[in-house]
């Protein structure tokens, strides 16, 4: 998986962001880089899951794997998540949310796995935008 530090300029698929929109990375994690951990606010994981299921953006043909150790011994590829009764394949698209000032925060759908299995705690701006339901429009 490609690693981009949180809140750095988004460059993964630049042609998928409209001109004039500032886009930043969130949740592009790869070992051996450390990740911030903690407990997300109530409702965050569920809202993030629905975004990964229903608001996928920048769908690709490739698939990212999780290269972090899994305590239960499960492999990091492919990664499926049970989200609101559906099995959702992660690692093939992005979720994009918008801050109150219009900045797009772009994360791979693997962000759901990182939050639920590795205790990743995304930046507060991302958490707030997910909880507010501000998904970026499809481009």
C-alpha atoms as a PDB file:
ATOM      1  CA  UNK A   1       0.000   0.000   0.000  1.00  0.00           C
ATOM      2  CA  UNK A   2       1.132   3.510  -0.681  1.00  0.00           C
ATOM      3  CA  UNK A   3       1.703   5.642   2.394  1.00  0.00           C
ATOM      4  CA  UNK A   4       0.804   9.323   2.517  1.00  0.00           C
ATOM      5  CA  UNK A   5       0.891  11.191   5.826  1.00  0.00           C
ATOM      6  CA  UNK A   6      -2.448  12.512   7.041  1.00  0.00           C
ATOM      7  CA  UNK A   7      -3.404  15.982   5.839  1.00  0.00           C
ATOM      8  CA  UNK A   8      -0.699  16.159   3.157  1.00  0.00           C
ATOM      9  CA  UNK A   9      -1.697  17.199  -0.378  1.00  0.00           C
ATOM     10  CA  UNK A  10      -3.618  14.480  -2.220  1.00  0.00           C
ATOM     11  CA  UNK A  11      -1.731  13.241  -5.303  1.00  0.00           C
ATOM     12  CA  UNK A  12      -2.861   9.628  -5.789  1.00  0.00           C
ATOM     13  CA  UNK A  13      -5.434  10.220  -8.566  1.00  0.00           C
ATOM     14  CA  UNK A  14      -5.222  13.977  -9.115  1.00  0.00           C
ATOM     15  CA  UNK A  15      -7.432  14.004 -12.219  1.00  0.00           C
ATOM     16  CA  UNK A  16     -10.367  12.851 -10.094  1.00  0.00           C
ATOM     17  CA  UNK A  17     -10.448  16.063  -8.045  1.00  0.00           C
ATOM     18  CA  UNK A  18     -12.074  19.109  -9.662  1.00  0.00           C
ATOM     19  CA  UNK A  19      -9.829  22.064 -10.533  1.00  0.00           C
ATOM     20  CA  UNK A  20      -9.576  24.587  -7.728  1.00  0.00           C
ATOM     21  CA  UNK A  21     -10.475  22.071  -4.988  1.00  0.00           C
ATOM     22  CA  UNK A  22      -7.918  21.542  -2.244  1.00  0.00           C
ATOM     23  CA  UNK A  23      -7.689  17.823  -1.438  1.00  0.00           C
ATOM     24  CA  UNK A  24      -5.767  16.232   1.415  1.00  0.00           C
ATOM     25  CA  UNK A  25      -4.873  12.647   2.335  1.00  0.00           C
ATOM     26  CA  UNK A  26      -6.328  10.731   5.246  1.00  0.00           C
ATOM     27  CA  UNK A  27      -5.756   7.099   6.126  1.00  0.00           C
ATOM     28  CA  UNK A  28      -3.226   6.127   3.453  1.00  0.00           C
ATOM     29  CA  UNK A  29      -1.363   3.872   5.849  1.00  0.00           C
ATOM     30  CA  UNK A  30       1.447   1.418   5.279  1.00  0.00           C
ATOM     31  CA  UNK A  31       3.863  -0.363   7.571  1.00  0.00           C
ATOM     32  CA  UNK A  32       6.284   0.465   9.040  1.00  0.00           C
ATOM     33  CA  UNK A  33       4.876   3.973   9.487  1.00  0.00           C
ATOM     34  CA  UNK A  34       3.224   4.625  12.836  1.00  0.00           C
ATOM     35  CA  UNK A  35      -0.444   5.494  12.954  1.00  0.00           C
ATOM     36  CA  UNK A  36      -2.340   7.579  15.476  1.00  0.00           C
ATOM     37  CA  UNK A  37      -4.608   5.390  17.562  1.00  0.00           C
ATOM     38  CA  UNK A  38      -7.539   5.959  19.855  1.00  0.00           C
ATOM     39  CA  UNK A  39     -11.251   5.519  20.332  1.00  0.00           C
ATOM     40  CA  UNK A  40     -13.418   7.201  17.688  1.00  0.00           C
ATOM     41  CA  UNK A  41     -16.512   9.141  18.741  1.00  0.00           C
ATOM     42  CA  UNK A  42     -19.844   7.348  19.019  1.00  0.00           C
ATOM     43  CA  UNK A  43     -21.404   6.660  15.648  1.00  0.00           C
ATOM     44  CA  UNK A  44     -18.231   7.316  13.647  1.00  0.00           C
ATOM     45  CA  UNK A  45     -17.457   3.729  12.648  1.00  0.00           C
ATOM     46  CA  UNK A  46     -21.022   3.128  11.493  1.00  0.00           C
ATOM     47  CA  UNK A  47     -21.124   6.338   9.429  1.00  0.00           C
ATOM     48  CA  UNK A  48     -17.720   5.576   7.934  1.00  0.00           C
ATOM     49  CA  UNK A  49     -18.919   2.094   7.004  1.00  0.00           C
ATOM     50  CA  UNK A  50     -21.946   3.493   5.193  1.00  0.00           C
ATOM     51  CA  UNK A  51     -19.700   5.862   3.240  1.00  0.00           C
ATOM     52  CA  UNK A  52     -17.486   2.931   2.236  1.00  0.00           C
ATOM     53  CA  UNK A  53     -20.547   0.989   1.132  1.00  0.00           C
ATOM     54  CA  UNK A  54     -22.618   3.731  -0.509  1.00  0.00           C
ATOM     55  CA  UNK A  55     -20.366   6.686  -1.416  1.00  0.00           C
ATOM     56  CA  UNK A  56     -17.365   5.062  -3.092  1.00  0.00           C
ATOM     57  CA  UNK A  57     -15.317   7.403  -5.270  1.00  0.00           C
ATOM     58  CA  UNK A  58     -12.313   6.934  -7.592  1.00  0.00           C
ATOM     59  CA  UNK A  59     -13.014   3.235  -8.066  1.00  0.00           C
ATOM     60  CA  UNK A  60      -9.976   1.409  -9.473  1.00  0.00           C
ATOM     61  CA  UNK A  61      -9.347  -2.017 -10.938  1.00  0.00           C
ATOM     62  CA  UNK A  62      -6.543  -2.672  -8.478  1.00  0.00           C
ATOM     63  CA  UNK A  63      -6.873  -3.640  -4.853  1.00  0.00           C
ATOM     64  CA  UNK A  64      -4.873  -2.547  -1.829  1.00  0.00           C
ATOM     65  CA  UNK A  65      -3.940  -4.970   0.917  1.00  0.00           C
ATOM     66  CA  UNK A  66      -3.415  -4.359   4.610  1.00  0.00           C
ATOM     67  CA  UNK A  67       0.239  -4.942   5.461  1.00  0.00           C
ATOM     68  CA  UNK A  68      -0.217  -4.596   9.220  1.00  0.00           C
ATOM     69  CA  UNK A  69      -0.195  -7.645  11.524  1.00  0.00           C
ATOM     70  CA  UNK A  70      -3.582  -9.144  12.367  1.00  0.00           C
ATOM     71  CA  UNK A  71      -3.904 -10.538  15.892  1.00  0.00           C
ATOM     72  CA  UNK A  72      -6.442 -13.117  14.751  1.00  0.00           C
ATOM     73  CA  UNK A  73      -4.123 -14.405  12.029  1.00  0.00           C
ATOM     74  CA  UNK A  74      -6.402 -13.402   9.161  1.00  0.00           C
ATOM     75  CA  UNK A  75      -4.679 -12.326   5.960  1.00  0.00           C
ATOM     76  CA  UNK A  76      -4.646  -8.694   4.919  1.00  0.00           C
ATOM     77  CA  UNK A  77      -5.858  -9.478   1.409  1.00  0.00           C
ATOM     78  CA  UNK A  78      -8.569  -9.332   0.313  1.00  0.00           C
ATOM     79  CA  UNK A  79     -10.268  -7.321   3.047  1.00  0.00           C
ATOM     80  CA  UNK A  80     -14.041  -7.510   3.390  1.00  0.00           C
ATOM     81  CA  UNK A  81     -16.078  -5.697   6.026  1.00  0.00           C
ATOM     82  CA  UNK A  82     -19.554  -6.473   7.296  1.00  0.00           C
ATOM     83  CA  UNK A  83     -21.333  -3.135   6.971  1.00  0.00           C
ATOM     84  CA  UNK A  84     -25.047  -2.802   7.751  1.00  0.00           C
ATOM     85  CA  UNK A  85     -25.733  -6.381   6.698  1.00  0.00           C
ATOM     86  CA  UNK A  86     -23.626  -6.293   3.527  1.00  0.00           C
ATOM     87  CA  UNK A  87     -20.177  -7.667   2.784  1.00  0.00           C
ATOM     88  CA  UNK A  88     -18.136  -4.782   1.365  1.00  0.00           C
ATOM     89  CA  UNK A  89     -14.810  -5.292  -0.385  1.00  0.00           C
ATOM     90  CA  UNK A  90     -12.357  -2.654   0.819  1.00  0.00           C
ATOM     91  CA  UNK A  91      -9.253  -1.363  -0.903  1.00  0.00           C
ATOM     92  CA  UNK A  92     -10.633  -0.708  -4.390  1.00  0.00           C
ATOM     93  CA  UNK A  93     -11.937   2.846  -4.045  1.00  0.00           C
ATOM     94  CA  UNK A  94     -11.893   5.963  -1.889  1.00  0.00           C
ATOM     95  CA  UNK A  95     -14.242   7.822   0.380  1.00  0.00           C
ATOM     96  CA  UNK A  96     -14.127  11.586   0.186  1.00  0.00           C
ATOM     97  CA  UNK A  97     -15.628  13.998   2.658  1.00  0.00           C
ATOM     98  CA  UNK A  98     -15.672  17.782   2.768  1.00  0.00           C
ATOM     99  CA  UNK A  99     -14.680  20.060   5.628  1.00  0.00           C
ATOM    100  CA  UNK A 100     -16.845  23.097   6.464  1.00  0.00           C
ATOM    101  CA  UNK A 101     -14.417  25.291   4.488  1.00  0.00           C
ATOM    102  CA  UNK A 102     -14.618  23.099   1.357  1.00  0.00           C
ATOM    103  CA  UNK A 103     -11.423  21.048   1.606  1.00  0.00           C
ATOM    104  CA  UNK A 104     -11.790  17.470   0.398  1.00  0.00           C
ATOM    105  CA  UNK A 105     -10.361  14.769   2.641  1.00  0.00           C
ATOM    106  CA  UNK A 106      -9.655  11.661   0.550  1.00  0.00           C
ATOM    107  CA  UNK A 107      -9.182   8.247   2.140  1.00  0.00           C
ATOM    108  CA  UNK A 108      -8.938   4.731   0.744  1.00  0.00           C
ATOM    109  CA  UNK A 109     -11.888   2.561   1.728  1.00  0.00           C
ATOM    110  CA  UNK A 110      -9.324   0.539   3.711  1.00  0.00           C
ATOM    111  CA  UNK A 111      -9.660   3.332   6.290  1.00  0.00           C
ATOM    112  CA  UNK A 112     -12.658   1.419   7.683  1.00  0.00           C
ATOM    113  CA  UNK A 113     -10.470  -1.626   8.302  1.00  0.00           C
ATOM    114  CA  UNK A 114      -7.739   0.485   9.876  1.00  0.00           C
ATOM    115  CA  UNK A 115     -10.243   2.045  12.279  1.00  0.00           C
ATOM    116  CA  UNK A 116     -11.992  -1.218  13.190  1.00  0.00           C
ATOM    117  CA  UNK A 117      -9.003  -3.584  13.307  1.00  0.00           C
ATOM    118  CA  UNK A 118      -5.979  -1.424  14.066  1.00  0.00           C
ATOM    119  CA  UNK A 119      -7.505   1.352  16.253  1.00  0.00           C
ATOM    120  CA  UNK A 120      -6.483   4.040  13.737  1.00  0.00           C
ATOM    121  CA  UNK A 121      -7.875   7.410  14.758  1.00  0.00           C
ATOM    122  CA  UNK A 122      -8.218   9.737  11.754  1.00  0.00           C
ATOM    123  CA  UNK A 123      -7.704  13.493  12.104  1.00  0.00           C
ATOM    124  CA  UNK A 124     -10.546  15.398  13.810  1.00  0.00           C
ATOM    125  CA  UNK A 125     -11.513  17.190  10.565  1.00  0.00           C
ATOM    126  CA  UNK A 126     -12.138  13.833   8.872  1.00  0.00           C
ATOM    127  CA  UNK A 127     -14.075  12.490  11.839  1.00  0.00           C
ATOM    128  CA  UNK A 128     -16.250  15.615  11.952  1.00  0.00           C
ATOM    129  CA  UNK A 129     -16.982  15.508   8.203  1.00  0.00           C
ATOM    130  CA  UNK A 130     -17.901  11.808   8.325  1.00  0.00           C
ATOM    131  CA  UNK A 131     -20.238  12.339  11.279  1.00  0.00           C
ATOM    132  CA  UNK A 132     -21.794  15.354   9.533  1.00  0.00           C
ATOM    133  CA  UNK A 133     -22.384  13.253   6.404  1.00  0.00           C
ATOM    134  CA  UNK A 134     -20.612  15.660   4.054  1.00  0.00           C
ATOM    135  CA  UNK A 135     -19.596  13.291   1.256  1.00  0.00           C
ATOM    136  CA  UNK A 136     -17.813  14.911  -1.681  1.00  0.00           C
ATOM    137  CA  UNK A 137     -19.818  14.838  -4.901  1.00  0.00           C
ATOM    138  CA  UNK A 138     -19.021  12.237  -7.534  1.00  0.00           C
ATOM    139  CA  UNK A 139     -16.769  13.619 -10.249  1.00  0.00           C
END
